[in-house]
N, C-alpha and C. Protein backbone atom coordinates (compact mmCIF):
# COMPACT_ATOMS: atom_id res chain seq x y z
N SER A 1 -165.79 -161.52 59.16
CA SER A 1 -166.48 -162.84 59.67
C SER A 1 -165.81 -163.53 60.01
N ALA A 2 -164.42 -163.89 59.15
CA ALA A 2 -163.20 -164.68 59.79
C ALA A 2 -162.77 -163.76 61.18
N ASN A 3 -162.63 -162.73 61.13
CA ASN A 3 -161.73 -162.22 62.27
C ASN A 3 -163.05 -162.15 63.36
N LEU A 4 -164.02 -162.69 63.56
CA LEU A 4 -164.81 -162.48 64.17
C LEU A 4 -164.67 -163.96 65.09
N VAL A 5 -164.71 -165.11 64.00
CA VAL A 5 -164.50 -166.26 64.32
C VAL A 5 -163.27 -166.34 65.58
N THR A 6 -161.98 -165.95 64.83
CA THR A 6 -160.64 -165.57 65.34
C THR A 6 -160.70 -165.36 67.04
N HIS A 7 -161.75 -163.88 66.58
CA HIS A 7 -161.29 -163.50 67.71
C HIS A 7 -162.41 -164.26 68.83
N PHE A 8 -163.53 -164.28 68.41
CA PHE A 8 -164.00 -165.90 69.55
C PHE A 8 -163.18 -166.96 70.06
N ALA A 9 -162.87 -167.47 69.02
CA ALA A 9 -161.99 -168.66 69.43
C ALA A 9 -160.90 -168.38 70.56
N ASN A 10 -159.95 -166.98 70.24
CA ASN A 10 -158.99 -166.97 70.83
C ASN A 10 -159.71 -166.63 72.97
N LEU A 11 -160.77 -166.29 72.76
CA LEU A 11 -161.48 -165.72 73.83
C LEU A 11 -161.55 -167.23 74.38
N VAL A 12 -162.05 -168.18 73.98
CA VAL A 12 -162.33 -169.77 74.13
C VAL A 12 -161.17 -170.01 74.44
N THR A 13 -160.16 -170.06 73.95
CA THR A 13 -158.47 -170.06 74.32
C THR A 13 -158.10 -169.79 75.94
N HIS A 14 -158.59 -168.11 75.64
CA HIS A 14 -157.90 -167.72 77.24
C HIS A 14 -159.32 -168.21 77.89
N SER A 15 -160.04 -168.55 77.84
CA SER A 15 -161.04 -168.93 79.09
C SER A 15 -161.06 -170.08 79.56
N ALA A 16 -160.27 -171.40 78.56
CA ALA A 16 -159.60 -172.43 78.72
C ALA A 16 -158.30 -172.07 79.88
N ASN A 17 -157.76 -171.08 79.44
CA ASN A 17 -156.99 -170.78 80.07
C ASN A 17 -156.47 -170.53 81.84
N LEU A 18 -157.67 -170.11 81.90
CA LEU A 18 -158.29 -169.08 82.99
C LEU A 18 -158.80 -170.10 83.70
N VAL A 19 -159.32 -171.11 83.75
CA VAL A 19 -159.55 -171.90 84.14
C VAL A 19 -158.79 -173.36 84.57
N THR A 20 -157.96 -173.13 83.22
CA THR A 20 -156.29 -173.95 83.68
C THR A 20 -156.02 -173.70 84.91
N HIS A 21 -155.62 -172.26 84.90
CA HIS A 21 -155.14 -171.62 85.92
C HIS A 21 -155.65 -171.70 87.23
N SER A 22 -156.75 -171.27 87.12
CA SER A 22 -157.82 -171.47 88.35
C SER A 22 -157.66 -172.63 88.87
N ALA A 23 -157.43 -173.68 87.97
CA ALA A 23 -157.58 -175.29 89.06
C ALA A 23 -156.09 -175.22 89.44
N ASN A 24 -155.15 -174.92 88.88
CA ASN A 24 -153.56 -174.93 89.25
C ASN A 24 -153.58 -174.10 91.11
N LEU A 25 -154.26 -172.73 91.04
CA LEU A 25 -154.35 -172.18 91.84
C LEU A 25 -154.99 -173.51 93.23
N VAL A 26 -156.47 -173.52 92.71
CA VAL A 26 -157.25 -174.29 93.60
C VAL A 26 -155.92 -175.98 94.48
N THR A 27 -155.71 -176.47 93.68
CA THR A 27 -154.13 -177.35 93.61
C THR A 27 -153.39 -176.31 94.89
N HIS A 28 -152.40 -176.11 94.22
CA HIS A 28 -151.69 -175.07 95.01
C HIS A 28 -152.18 -174.74 96.40
N SER A 29 -153.18 -174.37 97.00
CA SER A 29 -153.84 -173.93 97.88
C SER A 29 -154.66 -175.16 98.33
N ALA A 30 -154.55 -175.95 98.19
CA ALA A 30 -154.49 -177.45 98.74
C ALA A 30 -153.09 -178.01 99.43
N ASN A 31 -152.80 -178.16 98.00
CA ASN A 31 -151.08 -178.62 98.73
C ASN A 31 -150.72 -177.26 99.91
N LEU A 32 -150.49 -176.29 100.49
CA LEU A 32 -150.29 -176.02 101.00
C LEU A 32 -151.26 -176.05 102.67
N VAL A 33 -152.43 -175.80 102.74
CA VAL A 33 -153.23 -176.36 103.89
C VAL A 33 -152.71 -177.92 103.66
N THR A 34 -152.06 -178.73 103.29
CA THR A 34 -151.92 -180.29 103.75
C THR A 34 -150.72 -180.00 104.51
N HIS A 35 -149.89 -178.74 103.89
CA HIS A 35 -148.66 -178.41 104.39
C HIS A 35 -148.32 -178.13 105.32
N SER A 36 -149.54 -177.31 105.63
CA SER A 36 -149.24 -176.65 107.05
C SER A 36 -150.14 -177.40 108.09
N VAL A 37 -150.90 -178.36 108.14
CA VAL A 37 -151.25 -179.84 108.36
C VAL A 37 -150.70 -180.48 109.39
N ASN A 38 -149.66 -180.79 108.55
CA ASN A 38 -148.30 -181.49 108.48
C ASN A 38 -147.16 -180.93 109.71
N LEU A 39 -147.54 -179.57 108.74
CA LEU A 39 -146.75 -178.90 110.08
C LEU A 39 -147.04 -178.44 111.81
N VAL A 40 -148.48 -178.64 111.42
CA VAL A 40 -148.87 -178.53 113.06
C VAL A 40 -149.16 -180.09 113.73
N THR A 41 -148.95 -180.74 113.32
CA THR A 41 -148.89 -182.50 113.21
C THR A 41 -147.43 -182.53 113.99
N HIS A 42 -146.47 -182.17 113.20
CA HIS A 42 -144.73 -181.85 113.02
C HIS A 42 -144.52 -181.45 114.68
N SER A 43 -145.45 -180.38 115.03
CA SER A 43 -144.80 -179.40 116.14
C SER A 43 -145.70 -179.89 117.24
N ALA A 44 -146.61 -180.24 117.10
CA ALA A 44 -147.37 -181.42 118.27
C ALA A 44 -146.55 -182.98 119.09
N ASN A 45 -145.69 -183.26 118.22
CA ASN A 45 -145.09 -184.28 117.85
C ASN A 45 -144.00 -183.66 118.82
N LEU A 46 -143.32 -182.57 118.16
CA LEU A 46 -142.29 -182.08 119.03
C LEU A 46 -142.83 -181.62 120.33
N VAL A 47 -143.67 -181.43 120.69
CA VAL A 47 -144.28 -180.93 122.28
C VAL A 47 -144.31 -181.86 122.71
N THR A 48 -144.54 -183.69 122.54
CA THR A 48 -145.44 -184.28 122.90
C THR A 48 -143.60 -184.91 123.45
N HIS A 49 -142.84 -185.07 122.18
CA HIS A 49 -141.06 -185.80 122.52
C HIS A 49 -140.27 -185.15 123.72
N SER A 50 -140.68 -183.73 123.52
CA SER A 50 -140.31 -182.72 125.01
C SER A 50 -140.23 -182.84 125.89
N ALA A 51 -141.77 -183.04 126.05
CA ALA A 51 -142.51 -183.34 127.28
C ALA A 51 -142.03 -184.71 127.92
N ILE A 52 -142.30 -185.85 127.08
CA ILE A 52 -141.05 -187.33 127.43
C ILE A 52 -139.72 -186.60 127.99
N LEU A 53 -139.09 -186.36 127.27
CA LEU A 53 -137.42 -185.98 127.78
C LEU A 53 -137.54 -185.18 128.65
N VAL A 54 -138.65 -184.25 129.32
CA VAL A 54 -138.48 -183.82 130.21
C VAL A 54 -138.81 -184.48 131.76
N THR A 55 -139.87 -185.30 131.13
CA THR A 55 -140.08 -186.53 132.63
C THR A 55 -139.24 -187.30 132.69
N HIS A 56 -138.33 -187.91 131.76
CA HIS A 56 -137.06 -188.82 131.85
C HIS A 56 -136.36 -188.07 132.71
N SER A 57 -135.85 -186.88 132.12
CA SER A 57 -134.85 -186.18 132.80
C SER A 57 -135.38 -185.99 134.35
N ALA A 58 -136.66 -185.60 134.41
CA ALA A 58 -137.00 -185.55 136.15
C ALA A 58 -136.57 -186.82 136.72
N ASN A 59 -137.15 -187.84 136.11
CA ASN A 59 -136.75 -189.49 136.78
C ASN A 59 -135.53 -189.67 136.95
N LEU A 60 -133.94 -189.32 136.36
CA LEU A 60 -133.26 -189.50 136.53
C LEU A 60 -132.62 -188.41 137.16
N VAL A 61 -133.14 -187.41 138.06
CA VAL A 61 -132.75 -186.49 139.37
C VAL A 61 -133.71 -187.06 140.13
N THR A 62 -134.53 -188.03 140.23
CA THR A 62 -135.13 -188.41 141.03
C THR A 62 -134.07 -189.89 141.82
N HIS A 63 -134.11 -190.07 140.12
CA HIS A 63 -133.14 -191.64 140.52
C HIS A 63 -131.39 -191.30 141.60
N SER A 64 -131.03 -190.65 140.97
CA SER A 64 -130.08 -190.14 140.89
C SER A 64 -129.60 -189.16 142.46
N ALA A 65 -130.85 -188.65 143.38
CA ALA A 65 -130.83 -188.32 144.30
C ALA A 65 -131.31 -189.23 145.42
N ASN A 66 -132.33 -190.48 144.91
CA ASN A 66 -132.49 -191.52 145.58
C ASN A 66 -130.85 -192.65 145.52
N LEU A 67 -130.11 -192.31 145.03
CA LEU A 67 -128.83 -193.27 144.92
C LEU A 67 -127.66 -192.42 146.18
N ILE A 68 -127.91 -191.21 145.99
CA ILE A 68 -126.72 -190.23 146.78
C ILE A 68 -127.60 -190.37 147.88
N THR A 69 -128.76 -190.41 148.81
CA THR A 69 -129.05 -190.64 149.92
C THR A 69 -128.98 -192.13 150.10
N HIS A 70 -129.19 -193.18 149.58
CA HIS A 70 -128.52 -195.05 149.84
C HIS A 70 -127.23 -194.83 150.17
N THR A 71 -126.44 -194.27 149.41
CA THR A 71 -124.67 -193.89 149.52
C THR A 71 -124.63 -193.10 151.07
N ALA A 72 -125.57 -192.32 151.38
CA ALA A 72 -124.99 -191.61 152.71
C ALA A 72 -125.43 -192.62 153.72
N ASN A 73 -126.52 -193.48 153.64
CA ASN A 73 -126.69 -194.09 154.93
C ASN A 73 -125.59 -195.28 154.80
N LEU A 74 -125.00 -195.83 153.61
CA LEU A 74 -124.03 -196.75 153.58
C LEU A 74 -123.33 -196.11 154.46
N VAL A 75 -122.19 -194.78 154.24
CA VAL A 75 -121.59 -194.36 154.51
C VAL A 75 -122.12 -194.20 156.57
N THR A 76 -122.94 -194.06 156.80
CA THR A 76 -123.05 -194.15 157.98
C THR A 76 -123.04 -195.29 158.41
N HIS A 77 -124.27 -195.93 158.02
CA HIS A 77 -123.97 -197.51 158.43
C HIS A 77 -122.76 -198.19 158.44
N SER A 78 -121.41 -198.12 158.01
CA SER A 78 -120.49 -198.53 157.78
C SER A 78 -119.53 -197.55 158.96
N ALA A 79 -119.77 -196.18 159.10
CA ALA A 79 -119.47 -195.93 160.36
C ALA A 79 -119.89 -196.33 161.48
N ASN A 80 -121.07 -196.43 161.78
CA ASN A 80 -121.88 -197.37 163.16
C ASN A 80 -121.10 -198.32 163.28
N LEU A 81 -120.44 -199.33 162.04
CA LEU A 81 -120.40 -200.42 162.12
C LEU A 81 -118.65 -200.56 162.88
N VAL A 82 -117.80 -199.21 162.38
CA VAL A 82 -116.55 -199.13 162.99
C VAL A 82 -116.84 -198.51 164.54
N THR A 83 -117.78 -197.50 164.65
CA THR A 83 -117.74 -197.45 166.10
C THR A 83 -118.04 -198.91 167.20
N HIS A 84 -119.00 -199.49 166.71
CA HIS A 84 -119.25 -200.77 167.22
C HIS A 84 -118.07 -201.34 167.06
N PHE A 85 -117.26 -201.72 166.11
CA PHE A 85 -115.95 -202.37 166.68
C PHE A 85 -115.14 -202.23 167.23
N ALA A 86 -114.99 -200.70 167.28
CA ALA A 86 -113.74 -200.03 167.81
C ALA A 86 -114.41 -200.14 169.62
N ASN A 87 -115.77 -199.92 169.60
CA ASN A 87 -116.45 -200.59 170.77
C ASN A 87 -115.97 -202.12 171.74
N LEU A 88 -116.15 -202.81 171.11
CA LEU A 88 -115.54 -204.47 171.06
C LEU A 88 -113.81 -204.40 171.75
N VAL A 89 -113.17 -203.55 170.58
CA VAL A 89 -112.06 -203.73 171.34
C VAL A 89 -111.80 -202.96 172.14
N THR A 90 -112.50 -201.95 172.37
CA THR A 90 -112.49 -201.52 173.96
C THR A 90 -112.57 -202.22 175.36
N HIS A 91 -113.99 -202.73 174.73
CA HIS A 91 -114.68 -203.66 175.98
C HIS A 91 -113.74 -204.80 176.19
N SER A 92 -113.10 -205.61 174.92
CA SER A 92 -112.10 -206.59 175.04
C SER A 92 -110.81 -206.32 176.23
N ALA A 93 -110.31 -204.63 175.44
CA ALA A 93 -109.05 -204.24 176.55
C ALA A 93 -109.24 -204.19 178.07
N ASN A 94 -111.07 -203.82 178.32
CA ASN A 94 -110.93 -203.56 179.65
C ASN A 94 -111.32 -204.82 180.52
N LEU A 95 -111.90 -205.90 179.78
CA LEU A 95 -112.07 -207.33 180.14
C LEU A 95 -110.50 -207.84 180.29
N VAL A 96 -109.63 -207.55 179.66
CA VAL A 96 -107.84 -208.42 179.58
C VAL A 96 -107.62 -207.02 180.72
N THR A 97 -107.92 -206.29 180.95
CA THR A 97 -107.59 -205.38 182.56
C THR A 97 -108.30 -206.02 183.39
N HIS A 98 -109.23 -206.05 183.41
CA HIS A 98 -109.90 -206.42 184.68
C HIS A 98 -109.45 -208.13 184.95
N SER A 99 -109.11 -208.92 184.21
CA SER A 99 -108.64 -210.56 184.74
C SER A 99 -107.40 -209.87 184.75
N ALA A 100 -106.30 -209.24 184.63
CA ALA A 100 -104.88 -208.95 185.52
C ALA A 100 -105.35 -208.70 186.47
N ASN A 101 -105.94 -208.02 186.99
CA ASN A 101 -106.17 -207.10 188.22
C ASN A 101 -106.78 -208.38 188.98
N LEU A 102 -107.38 -209.58 188.72
CA LEU A 102 -107.61 -209.92 189.70
C LEU A 102 -107.00 -210.98 190.22
């Protein structure tokens, strides 16, 4: 009879240990789910951040192209001013020559 009581007590203890172990497994599973959700969220944030960086890079390329175009326009304008000034000098020389001929 004492052996049966001891055996029953051991079964109860073992059952309690199994319940505890099951609870620990459920907790661990919940932690894994939480961690997985955090990883997905982090990945989504990385994708969003990458998209922002790509957009920013594209804007920088566009801005650089605009600066190159503006610089080319300034060079062209400067060349036109030099040509115009040269024409004025030529015209002045022609006037001087014409005056001398008079």
